[in-house]
Amino acid sequence: MIPDTHSDLLRAPVHGVLTTLMPDGMPQSSIVWVDYDGQCLLLNTTLERQKGRNMQADPKVTVLVIDPNDSSRWVEVRGTVIEMTREGAEEHADKLTQRYCPHKKHFYGDIYPVEQRAKETRVVVRIRPLKVTWDAIFRTGDKASAIL
């Protein structure tokens, strides 16, 4: 589980770094908006983007989120993509838009042009955490990570 001391980083407007694997095995990293439903990380992307293609081909990913107010406070989630669904994807993009850009309401129209909607397949990516590591300052006991 994500420790209570760090779950706020996944529900606040804090950017994460998603690392996926390219077809040749090289890592590829992208800045992403992050969401958390209490069990899984949720991201929003398109199937046409490199990260979307990478996750379809290989579901192993890592997401790193660093507290923008204290760079010594961070959480890394290594996990598996268990779902990439179109259902609710635009609504989820709107939710993230409102979180990360409080003066905006809609992803399409406020962040990206409305015409972009027809050019891409937007999906919600559900990532099941397999290993969670966080900064040593907030350790529980003598371990800074948990195998799930």
C-alpha atoms as a PDB file:
ATOM      1  CA  MET A   1       0.000   0.000   0.000  1.00  0.00           C
ATOM      2  CA  ILE A   2       0.954   3.600  -0.453  1.00  0.00           C
ATOM      3  CA  PRO A   3       1.881   4.928   3.013  1.00  0.00           C
ATOM      4  CA  ASP A   4      -0.539   7.465   4.497  1.00  0.00           C
ATOM      5  CA  THR A   5       2.427   9.823   4.888  1.00  0.00           C
ATOM      6  CA  HIS A   6       2.757  10.019   1.094  1.00  0.00           C
ATOM      7  CA  SER A   7      -0.665   9.319  -0.456  1.00  0.00           C
ATOM      8  CA  ASP A   8      -1.320  13.071  -0.567  1.00  0.00           C
ATOM      9  CA  LEU A   9       1.362  13.363  -3.258  1.00  0.00           C
ATOM     10  CA  LEU A  10      -0.797  11.164  -5.509  1.00  0.00           C
ATOM     11  CA  ARG A  11      -4.003  13.126  -4.911  1.00  0.00           C
ATOM     12  CA  ALA A  12      -2.572  16.648  -5.093  1.00  0.00           C
ATOM     13  CA  PRO A  13      -1.581  18.581  -8.214  1.00  0.00           C
ATOM     14  CA  VAL A  14       1.966  17.198  -8.140  1.00  0.00           C
ATOM     15  CA  HIS A  15       3.476  16.026 -11.412  1.00  0.00           C
ATOM     16  CA  GLY A  16       4.904  12.535 -11.624  1.00  0.00           C
ATOM     17  CA  VAL A  17       7.474  10.913 -13.868  1.00  0.00           C
ATOM     18  CA  LEU A  18       6.196   7.792 -15.629  1.00  0.00           C
ATOM     19  CA  THR A  19       8.836   5.409 -16.942  1.00  0.00           C
ATOM     20  CA  THR A  20       7.850   2.794 -19.508  1.00  0.00           C
ATOM     21  CA  LEU A  21       9.904   0.455 -21.650  1.00  0.00           C
ATOM     22  CA  MET A  22      10.495   1.045 -25.354  1.00  0.00           C
ATOM     23  CA  PRO A  23      10.300  -1.934 -27.746  1.00  0.00           C
ATOM     24  CA  ASP A  24      14.117  -2.216 -27.644  1.00  0.00           C
ATOM     25  CA  GLY A  25      14.071  -2.344 -23.817  1.00  0.00           C
ATOM     26  CA  MET A  26      15.321   1.211 -23.267  1.00  0.00           C
ATOM     27  CA  PRO A  27      13.447   3.222 -20.622  1.00  0.00           C
ATOM     28  CA  GLN A  28      11.309   6.181 -21.711  1.00  0.00           C
ATOM     29  CA  SER A  29      10.138   8.778 -19.178  1.00  0.00           C
ATOM     30  CA  SER A  30       7.281  11.269 -19.388  1.00  0.00           C
ATOM     31  CA  ILE A  31       5.894  13.935 -17.075  1.00  0.00           C
ATOM     32  CA  VAL A  32       2.312  12.958 -16.153  1.00  0.00           C
ATOM     33  CA  TRP A  33      -0.642  14.037 -14.069  1.00  0.00           C
ATOM     34  CA  VAL A  34      -1.240  11.437 -11.354  1.00  0.00           C
ATOM     35  CA  ASP A  35      -4.382  10.225  -9.598  1.00  0.00           C
ATOM     36  CA  TYR A  36      -4.908   7.590  -6.906  1.00  0.00           C
ATOM     37  CA  ASP A  37      -8.095   5.692  -6.046  1.00  0.00           C
ATOM     38  CA  GLY A  38      -6.818   4.203  -2.783  1.00  0.00           C
ATOM     39  CA  GLN A  39      -5.596   1.004  -4.460  1.00  0.00           C
ATOM     40  CA  CYS A  40      -4.219   1.854  -7.892  1.00  0.00           C
ATOM     41  CA  LEU A  41      -2.536   4.793  -9.568  1.00  0.00           C
ATOM     42  CA  LEU A  42      -4.550   6.303 -12.401  1.00  0.00           C
ATOM     43  CA  LEU A  43      -3.023   8.111 -15.357  1.00  0.00           C
ATOM     44  CA  ASN A  44      -4.643   9.572 -18.445  1.00  0.00           C
ATOM     45  CA  THR A  45      -3.048   9.391 -21.884  1.00  0.00           C
ATOM     46  CA  THR A  46      -3.713   8.270 -25.436  1.00  0.00           C
ATOM     47  CA  LEU A  47      -3.011   5.009 -27.194  1.00  0.00           C
ATOM     48  CA  GLU A  48      -1.194   6.947 -29.900  1.00  0.00           C
ATOM     49  CA  ARG A  49       1.459   8.475 -27.629  1.00  0.00           C
ATOM     50  CA  GLN A  50       4.728   6.642 -27.082  1.00  0.00           C
ATOM     51  CA  LYS A  51       3.935   5.934 -23.435  1.00  0.00           C
ATOM     52  CA  GLY A  52       0.551   4.510 -24.442  1.00  0.00           C
ATOM     53  CA  ARG A  53       2.109   2.247 -27.067  1.00  0.00           C
ATOM     54  CA  ASN A  54       4.820   1.183 -24.607  1.00  0.00           C
ATOM     55  CA  MET A  55       2.310   0.261 -21.878  1.00  0.00           C
ATOM     56  CA  GLN A  56       0.250  -1.770 -24.356  1.00  0.00           C
ATOM     57  CA  ALA A  57       3.346  -3.744 -25.345  1.00  0.00           C
ATOM     58  CA  ASP A  58       4.845  -4.121 -21.849  1.00  0.00           C
ATOM     59  CA  PRO A  59       2.773  -3.358 -18.736  1.00  0.00           C
ATOM     60  CA  LYS A  60       5.734  -2.859 -16.377  1.00  0.00           C
ATOM     61  CA  VAL A  61       6.005   0.796 -15.287  1.00  0.00           C
ATOM     62  CA  THR A  62       7.413   3.043 -12.600  1.00  0.00           C
ATOM     63  CA  VAL A  63       5.936   6.322 -11.377  1.00  0.00           C
ATOM     64  CA  LEU A  64       8.048   8.715  -9.296  1.00  0.00           C
ATOM     65  CA  VAL A  65       6.440  11.685  -7.527  1.00  0.00           C
ATOM     66  CA  ILE A  66       8.545  14.270  -5.676  1.00  0.00           C
ATOM     67  CA  ASP A  67       7.062  16.756  -3.221  1.00  0.00           C
ATOM     68  CA  PRO A  68       7.566  20.180  -4.868  1.00  0.00           C
ATOM     69  CA  ASN A  69       7.887  21.795  -1.428  1.00  0.00           C
ATOM     70  CA  ASP A  70      10.448  19.306  -0.073  1.00  0.00           C
ATOM     71  CA  SER A  71      12.506  17.365  -2.612  1.00  0.00           C
ATOM     72  CA  SER A  72      13.657  14.937   0.098  1.00  0.00           C
ATOM     73  CA  ARG A  73      10.051  13.668   0.313  1.00  0.00           C
ATOM     74  CA  TRP A  74       9.073  11.362  -2.539  1.00  0.00           C
ATOM     75  CA  VAL A  75       7.314   8.136  -3.455  1.00  0.00           C
ATOM     76  CA  GLU A  76       8.180   5.649  -6.190  1.00  0.00           C
ATOM     77  CA  VAL A  77       5.598   3.120  -7.332  1.00  0.00           C
ATOM     78  CA  ARG A  78       6.698   0.177  -9.442  1.00  0.00           C
ATOM     79  CA  GLY A  79       3.755  -1.651 -10.860  1.00  0.00           C
ATOM     80  CA  THR A  80       1.826  -3.255 -13.644  1.00  0.00           C
ATOM     81  CA  VAL A  81      -0.733  -1.702 -15.949  1.00  0.00           C
ATOM     82  CA  ILE A  82      -3.838  -3.797 -15.346  1.00  0.00           C
ATOM     83  CA  GLU A  83      -6.237  -1.788 -17.489  1.00  0.00           C
ATOM     84  CA  MET A  84      -6.278   0.833 -20.222  1.00  0.00           C
ATOM     85  CA  THR A  85      -9.886   1.822 -20.801  1.00  0.00           C
ATOM     86  CA  ARG A  86     -11.659   4.423 -22.903  1.00  0.00           C
ATOM     87  CA  GLU A  87     -14.612   4.326 -20.520  1.00  0.00           C
ATOM     88  CA  GLY A  88     -14.678   7.564 -18.527  1.00  0.00           C
ATOM     89  CA  ALA A  89     -11.347   8.720 -19.996  1.00  0.00           C
ATOM     90  CA  GLU A  90     -12.478  12.174 -21.062  1.00  0.00           C
ATOM     91  CA  GLU A  91     -14.243  12.761 -17.740  1.00  0.00           C
ATOM     92  CA  HIS A  92     -11.075  11.674 -15.932  1.00  0.00           C
ATOM     93  CA  ALA A  93      -9.021  14.064 -18.096  1.00  0.00           C
ATOM     94  CA  ASP A  94     -11.443  16.847 -17.097  1.00  0.00           C
ATOM     95  CA  LYS A  95     -11.044  15.914 -13.414  1.00  0.00           C
ATOM     96  CA  LEU A  96      -7.261  16.070 -13.703  1.00  0.00           C
ATOM     97  CA  THR A  97      -7.476  19.346 -15.627  1.00  0.00           C
ATOM     98  CA  GLN A  98      -9.469  20.883 -12.778  1.00  0.00           C
ATOM     99  CA  ARG A  99      -6.924  19.583 -10.239  1.00  0.00           C
ATOM    100  CA  TYR A 100      -3.780  20.648 -12.076  1.00  0.00           C
ATOM    101  CA  CYS A 101      -5.177  23.797 -13.742  1.00  0.00           C
ATOM    102  CA  PRO A 102      -7.799  25.120 -11.285  1.00  0.00           C
ATOM    103  CA  HIS A 103      -8.986  27.891 -13.620  1.00  0.00           C
ATOM    104  CA  LYS A 104      -9.739  25.391 -16.406  1.00  0.00           C
ATOM    105  CA  LYS A 105     -12.751  23.103 -16.642  1.00  0.00           C
ATOM    106  CA  HIS A 106     -12.263  20.813 -19.641  1.00  0.00           C
ATOM    107  CA  PHE A 107      -9.253  19.009 -21.067  1.00  0.00           C
ATOM    108  CA  TYR A 108     -10.478  19.393 -24.640  1.00  0.00           C
ATOM    109  CA  GLY A 109     -11.118  23.046 -25.228  1.00  0.00           C
ATOM    110  CA  ASP A 110      -9.086  24.399 -22.319  1.00  0.00           C
ATOM    111  CA  ILE A 111      -5.830  22.402 -22.501  1.00  0.00           C
ATOM    112  CA  TYR A 112      -5.936  20.841 -25.978  1.00  0.00           C
ATOM    113  CA  PRO A 113      -8.008  22.051 -28.933  1.00  0.00           C
ATOM    114  CA  VAL A 114     -11.407  20.361 -29.238  1.00  0.00           C
ATOM    115  CA  GLU A 115     -10.384  19.105 -32.694  1.00  0.00           C
ATOM    116  CA  GLN A 116      -7.659  16.974 -31.067  1.00  0.00           C
ATOM    117  CA  ARG A 117     -10.333  14.702 -29.569  1.00  0.00           C
ATOM    118  CA  ALA A 118     -11.037  13.135 -32.979  1.00  0.00           C
ATOM    119  CA  LYS A 119      -7.325  12.466 -33.598  1.00  0.00           C
ATOM    120  CA  GLU A 120      -6.593  10.351 -30.522  1.00  0.00           C
ATOM    121  CA  THR A 121      -7.889   7.519 -28.362  1.00  0.00           C
ATOM    122  CA  ARG A 122      -7.927   8.795 -24.781  1.00  0.00           C
ATOM    123  CA  VAL A 123      -7.643   6.159 -22.016  1.00  0.00           C
ATOM    124  CA  VAL A 124      -7.486   5.877 -18.244  1.00  0.00           C
ATOM    125  CA  VAL A 125      -4.491   3.751 -17.236  1.00  0.00           C
ATOM    126  CA  ARG A 126      -4.877   1.754 -14.016  1.00  0.00           C
ATOM    127  CA  ILE A 127      -1.562   0.741 -12.406  1.00  0.00           C
ATOM    128  CA  ARG A 128      -1.442  -1.847  -9.642  1.00  0.00           C
ATOM    129  CA  PRO A 129       1.463  -1.134  -7.252  1.00  0.00           C
ATOM    130  CA  LEU A 130       3.826  -4.075  -6.804  1.00  0.00           C
ATOM    131  CA  LYS A 131       6.616  -2.287  -4.947  1.00  0.00           C
ATOM    132  CA  VAL A 132       6.399   1.076  -3.230  1.00  0.00           C
ATOM    133  CA  THR A 133       9.486   2.941  -2.028  1.00  0.00           C
ATOM    134  CA  TRP A 134       9.557   6.265  -0.244  1.00  0.00           C
ATOM    135  CA  ASP A 135      12.099   8.569   1.304  1.00  0.00           C
ATOM    136  CA  ALA A 136      14.025   7.370   4.336  1.00  0.00           C
ATOM    137  CA  ILE A 137      12.978  10.354   6.449  1.00  0.00           C
ATOM    138  CA  PHE A 138       9.435   9.008   6.708  1.00  0.00           C
ATOM    139  CA  ARG A 139      10.328   5.357   7.242  1.00  0.00           C
ATOM    140  CA  THR A 140       8.102   3.107   9.260  1.00  0.00           C
ATOM    141  CA  GLY A 141      10.291   0.807  11.333  1.00  0.00           C
ATOM    142  CA  ASP A 142      13.564   0.119   9.542  1.00  0.00           C
ATOM    143  CA  LYS A 143      12.288  -0.272   5.976  1.00  0.00           C
ATOM    144  CA  ALA A 144      11.592   2.445   3.437  1.00  0.00           C
ATOM    145  CA  SER A 145       9.787   0.197   1.005  1.00  0.00           C
ATOM    146  CA  ALA A 146       6.990  -2.286   0.982  1.00  0.00           C
ATOM    147  CA  ILE A 147       6.550  -5.275  -1.292  1.00  0.00           C
ATOM    148  CA  LEU A 148       2.881  -5.643  -2.130  1.00  0.00           C
END
